[in-house]
Amino acid sequence: MLPGNAEVVADPPGRYNVGTVREVAATVIRDHRDLDYAFVANEEMACAARAAFDAAGARRVPRDRRRNRPGVGRAQGRTVLRDRRQLRRTGELAVRNATALLRGRQTEEVARTPIRLITRSTADTAPSYCDPDA
């Protein structure tokens, strides 16, 4: 659940395709110049989103200090976040849905994996890879 001062302005799927993610990110950035956060599913998608931010003129894009890859941080009023556990959650959801279908139970055809927004006030709930001072 997002905090009260945050809202989702766009959620087009990237389909885990780098080219598609880059196009989607560019469109979202163009349509929402005051964008504060971009959520992506994994490191490869983060790199694609980073390319879109670079193309849009972002001068400083945050990096994960331990891996030297785009991660959590601020860039000229914008923040780029990556949730490294997203793929695991998506995989777990796929297994649950496949098992349900094999057992003849109903399941959603399109499932959305839940994500969390980590802020300074919720940093104590963040996975260990998030630096609350980033």
C-alpha atoms as a PDB file:
ATOM      1  CA  MET A   1       0.000   0.000   0.000  1.00  0.00           C
ATOM      2  CA  LEU A   2       1.290   3.436  -0.930  1.00  0.00           C
ATOM      3  CA  PRO A   3       1.460   6.232   1.637  1.00  0.00           C
ATOM      4  CA  GLY A   4      -1.177   8.965   1.441  1.00  0.00           C
ATOM      5  CA  ASN A   5       1.155  11.403  -0.302  1.00  0.00           C
ATOM      6  CA  ALA A   6       1.875   9.014  -3.200  1.00  0.00           C
ATOM      7  CA  GLU A   7      -0.247   8.006  -6.152  1.00  0.00           C
ATOM      8  CA  VAL A   8       0.155   5.669  -9.105  1.00  0.00           C
ATOM      9  CA  VAL A   9       0.153   7.738 -12.296  1.00  0.00           C
ATOM     10  CA  ALA A  10       0.891   4.926 -14.743  1.00  0.00           C
ATOM     11  CA  ASP A  11       1.213   1.151 -14.662  1.00  0.00           C
ATOM     12  CA  PRO A  12       1.671  -0.089 -18.229  1.00  0.00           C
ATOM     13  CA  PRO A  13       3.290  -3.523 -18.362  1.00  0.00           C
ATOM     14  CA  GLY A  14       6.821  -3.935 -19.643  1.00  0.00           C
ATOM     15  CA  ARG A  15       6.391  -7.673 -20.211  1.00  0.00           C
ATOM     16  CA  TYR A  16       9.930  -8.352 -18.945  1.00  0.00           C
ATOM     17  CA  ASN A  17      11.253  -7.166 -22.295  1.00  0.00           C
ATOM     18  CA  VAL A  18      14.074  -4.614 -22.150  1.00  0.00           C
ATOM     19  CA  GLY A  19      13.011  -2.807 -25.325  1.00  0.00           C
ATOM     20  CA  THR A  20       9.404  -2.611 -24.195  1.00  0.00           C
ATOM     21  CA  VAL A  21      10.417  -1.401 -20.729  1.00  0.00           C
ATOM     22  CA  ARG A  22      12.579   1.329 -22.259  1.00  0.00           C
ATOM     23  CA  GLU A  23       9.672   2.479 -24.484  1.00  0.00           C
ATOM     24  CA  VAL A  24       7.137   2.325 -21.639  1.00  0.00           C
ATOM     25  CA  ALA A  25       9.467   4.204 -19.276  1.00  0.00           C
ATOM     26  CA  ALA A  26      10.136   6.893 -21.886  1.00  0.00           C
ATOM     27  CA  THR A  27       6.403   7.379 -22.438  1.00  0.00           C
ATOM     28  CA  VAL A  28       5.663   7.530 -18.707  1.00  0.00           C
ATOM     29  CA  ILE A  29       8.523   9.993 -18.105  1.00  0.00           C
ATOM     30  CA  ARG A  30       7.366  12.174 -21.014  1.00  0.00           C
ATOM     31  CA  ASP A  31       3.731  12.129 -19.843  1.00  0.00           C
ATOM     32  CA  HIS A  32       4.616  12.715 -16.174  1.00  0.00           C
ATOM     33  CA  ARG A  33       7.460  15.250 -16.006  1.00  0.00           C
ATOM     34  CA  ASP A  34       7.099  15.512 -12.214  1.00  0.00           C
ATOM     35  CA  LEU A  35       7.576  11.762 -11.766  1.00  0.00           C
ATOM     36  CA  ASP A  36       9.062  10.913  -8.372  1.00  0.00           C
ATOM     37  CA  TYR A  37       9.326   7.103  -8.420  1.00  0.00           C
ATOM     38  CA  ALA A  38       9.755   4.373 -11.007  1.00  0.00           C
ATOM     39  CA  PHE A  39       9.276   0.759  -9.921  1.00  0.00           C
ATOM     40  CA  VAL A  40      10.785  -2.067 -11.945  1.00  0.00           C
ATOM     41  CA  ALA A  41      10.862  -5.826 -11.523  1.00  0.00           C
ATOM     42  CA  ASN A  42      14.560  -6.643 -11.710  1.00  0.00           C
ATOM     43  CA  GLU A  43      18.034  -5.349 -12.462  1.00  0.00           C
ATOM     44  CA  GLU A  44      17.756  -5.783 -16.221  1.00  0.00           C
ATOM     45  CA  MET A  45      14.529  -3.768 -16.248  1.00  0.00           C
ATOM     46  CA  ALA A  46      16.158  -1.168 -13.961  1.00  0.00           C
ATOM     47  CA  CYS A  47      18.916  -0.714 -16.541  1.00  0.00           C
ATOM     48  CA  ALA A  48      16.302  -0.216 -19.267  1.00  0.00           C
ATOM     49  CA  ALA A  49      14.435   2.334 -17.136  1.00  0.00           C
ATOM     50  CA  ARG A  50      17.769   4.022 -16.407  1.00  0.00           C
ATOM     51  CA  ALA A  51      18.369   4.383 -20.153  1.00  0.00           C
ATOM     52  CA  ALA A  52      14.988   6.118 -20.452  1.00  0.00           C
ATOM     53  CA  PHE A  53      15.851   8.485 -17.582  1.00  0.00           C
ATOM     54  CA  ASP A  54      19.211   9.227 -19.235  1.00  0.00           C
ATOM     55  CA  ALA A  55      17.483   9.964 -22.544  1.00  0.00           C
ATOM     56  CA  ALA A  56      15.059  12.279 -20.714  1.00  0.00           C
ATOM     57  CA  GLY A  57      18.001  14.277 -19.373  1.00  0.00           C
ATOM     58  CA  ALA A  58      18.364  12.981 -15.817  1.00  0.00           C
ATOM     59  CA  ARG A  59      21.873  14.025 -14.785  1.00  0.00           C
ATOM     60  CA  ARG A  60      22.290  11.907 -11.684  1.00  0.00           C
ATOM     61  CA  VAL A  61      20.577   8.540 -11.430  1.00  0.00           C
ATOM     62  CA  PRO A  62      20.919   6.684  -8.114  1.00  0.00           C
ATOM     63  CA  ARG A  63      22.983   3.533  -7.886  1.00  0.00           C
ATOM     64  CA  ASP A  64      23.153   0.591  -5.553  1.00  0.00           C
ATOM     65  CA  ARG A  65      26.574   1.077  -3.953  1.00  0.00           C
ATOM     66  CA  ARG A  66      27.184  -2.633  -3.454  1.00  0.00           C
ATOM     67  CA  ARG A  67      26.486  -3.687  -7.029  1.00  0.00           C
ATOM     68  CA  ASN A  68      27.077  -0.427  -8.904  1.00  0.00           C
ATOM     69  CA  ARG A  69      23.708  -0.733 -10.588  1.00  0.00           C
ATOM     70  CA  PRO A  70      20.596   1.454 -10.579  1.00  0.00           C
ATOM     71  CA  GLY A  71      18.936   1.099  -7.199  1.00  0.00           C
ATOM     72  CA  VAL A  72      17.381   3.230  -4.505  1.00  0.00           C
ATOM     73  CA  GLY A  73      18.136   6.934  -4.304  1.00  0.00           C
ATOM     74  CA  ARG A  74      17.280  10.418  -5.503  1.00  0.00           C
ATOM     75  CA  ALA A  75      18.096  12.061  -8.807  1.00  0.00           C
ATOM     76  CA  GLN A  76      17.119  15.704  -9.276  1.00  0.00           C
ATOM     77  CA  GLY A  77      13.907  15.244  -7.322  1.00  0.00           C
ATOM     78  CA  ARG A  78      13.233  11.864  -8.893  1.00  0.00           C
ATOM     79  CA  THR A  79      13.716   8.519  -7.236  1.00  0.00           C
ATOM     80  CA  VAL A  80      14.292   5.203  -8.973  1.00  0.00           C
ATOM     81  CA  LEU A  81      13.519   2.084  -6.973  1.00  0.00           C
ATOM     82  CA  ARG A  82      14.113  -1.532  -7.778  1.00  0.00           C
ATOM     83  CA  ASP A  83      12.560  -4.409  -5.861  1.00  0.00           C
ATOM     84  CA  ARG A  84      14.949  -7.374  -6.101  1.00  0.00           C
ATOM     85  CA  ARG A  85      12.405  -9.717  -4.563  1.00  0.00           C
ATOM     86  CA  GLN A  86       9.816  -9.005  -7.250  1.00  0.00           C
ATOM     87  CA  LEU A  87      10.824 -11.945  -9.443  1.00  0.00           C
ATOM     88  CA  ARG A  88      10.667 -14.358  -6.531  1.00  0.00           C
ATOM     89  CA  ARG A  89       7.180 -13.126  -5.605  1.00  0.00           C
ATOM     90  CA  THR A  90       6.066 -13.352  -9.227  1.00  0.00           C
ATOM     91  CA  GLY A  91       7.422 -16.912  -9.449  1.00  0.00           C
ATOM     92  CA  GLU A  92       5.691 -17.910  -6.219  1.00  0.00           C
ATOM     93  CA  LEU A  93       2.439 -16.411  -7.497  1.00  0.00           C
ATOM     94  CA  ALA A  94       2.812 -18.304 -10.791  1.00  0.00           C
ATOM     95  CA  VAL A  95       3.308 -21.598  -8.933  1.00  0.00           C
ATOM     96  CA  ARG A  96       0.271 -20.924  -6.696  1.00  0.00           C
ATOM     97  CA  ASN A  97      -1.888 -20.055  -9.709  1.00  0.00           C
ATOM     98  CA  ALA A  98      -0.676 -23.065 -11.729  1.00  0.00           C
ATOM     99  CA  THR A  99      -1.351 -25.373  -8.778  1.00  0.00           C
ATOM    100  CA  ALA A 100      -4.826 -23.892  -8.352  1.00  0.00           C
ATOM    101  CA  LEU A 101      -5.598 -24.440 -12.040  1.00  0.00           C
ATOM    102  CA  LEU A 102      -4.361 -28.045 -11.877  1.00  0.00           C
ATOM    103  CA  ARG A 103      -6.712 -28.599  -8.947  1.00  0.00           C
ATOM    104  CA  GLY A 104      -9.622 -27.165 -10.921  1.00  0.00           C
ATOM    105  CA  ARG A 105      -9.839 -23.943  -8.930  1.00  0.00           C
ATOM    106  CA  GLN A 106     -10.426 -20.491 -10.358  1.00  0.00           C
ATOM    107  CA  THR A 107      -7.548 -18.024 -10.475  1.00  0.00           C
ATOM    108  CA  GLU A 108      -6.975 -14.632 -12.043  1.00  0.00           C
ATOM    109  CA  GLU A 109      -5.819 -14.772 -15.660  1.00  0.00           C
ATOM    110  CA  VAL A 110      -3.647 -11.710 -15.095  1.00  0.00           C
ATOM    111  CA  ALA A 111      -2.109 -11.448 -11.664  1.00  0.00           C
ATOM    112  CA  ARG A 112      -0.341  -8.464 -10.170  1.00  0.00           C
ATOM    113  CA  THR A 113       2.515  -9.010  -7.770  1.00  0.00           C
ATOM    114  CA  PRO A 114       2.276  -6.677  -4.767  1.00  0.00           C
ATOM    115  CA  ILE A 115       5.085  -4.181  -4.225  1.00  0.00           C
ATOM    116  CA  ARG A 116       6.000  -1.941  -1.299  1.00  0.00           C
ATOM    117  CA  LEU A 117       7.156   1.657  -1.259  1.00  0.00           C
ATOM    118  CA  ILE A 118      10.035   2.133   1.161  1.00  0.00           C
ATOM    119  CA  THR A 119      10.410   5.643   2.601  1.00  0.00           C
ATOM    120  CA  ARG A 120      12.377   7.044   5.527  1.00  0.00           C
ATOM    121  CA  SER A 121       9.351   6.514   7.778  1.00  0.00           C
ATOM    122  CA  THR A 122       8.994   2.856   6.724  1.00  0.00           C
ATOM    123  CA  ALA A 123      12.714   2.087   6.393  1.00  0.00           C
ATOM    124  CA  ASP A 124      12.598  -0.231   9.406  1.00  0.00           C
ATOM    125  CA  THR A 125      10.386  -2.570   7.335  1.00  0.00           C
ATOM    126  CA  ALA A 126      12.697  -2.518   4.292  1.00  0.00           C
ATOM    127  CA  PRO A 127      14.628  -5.558   3.139  1.00  0.00           C
ATOM    128  CA  SER A 128      18.285  -5.384   4.162  1.00  0.00           C
ATOM    129  CA  TYR A 129      19.485  -4.166   0.752  1.00  0.00           C
ATOM    130  CA  CYS A 130      17.685  -0.810   1.116  1.00  0.00           C
ATOM    131  CA  ASP A 131      19.718   2.034   2.612  1.00  0.00           C
ATOM    132  CA  PRO A 132      17.308   4.394   4.447  1.00  0.00           C
ATOM    133  CA  ASP A 133      19.820   7.245   4.044  1.00  0.00           C
ATOM    134  CA  ALA A 134      20.139   6.895   0.260  1.00  0.00           C
END
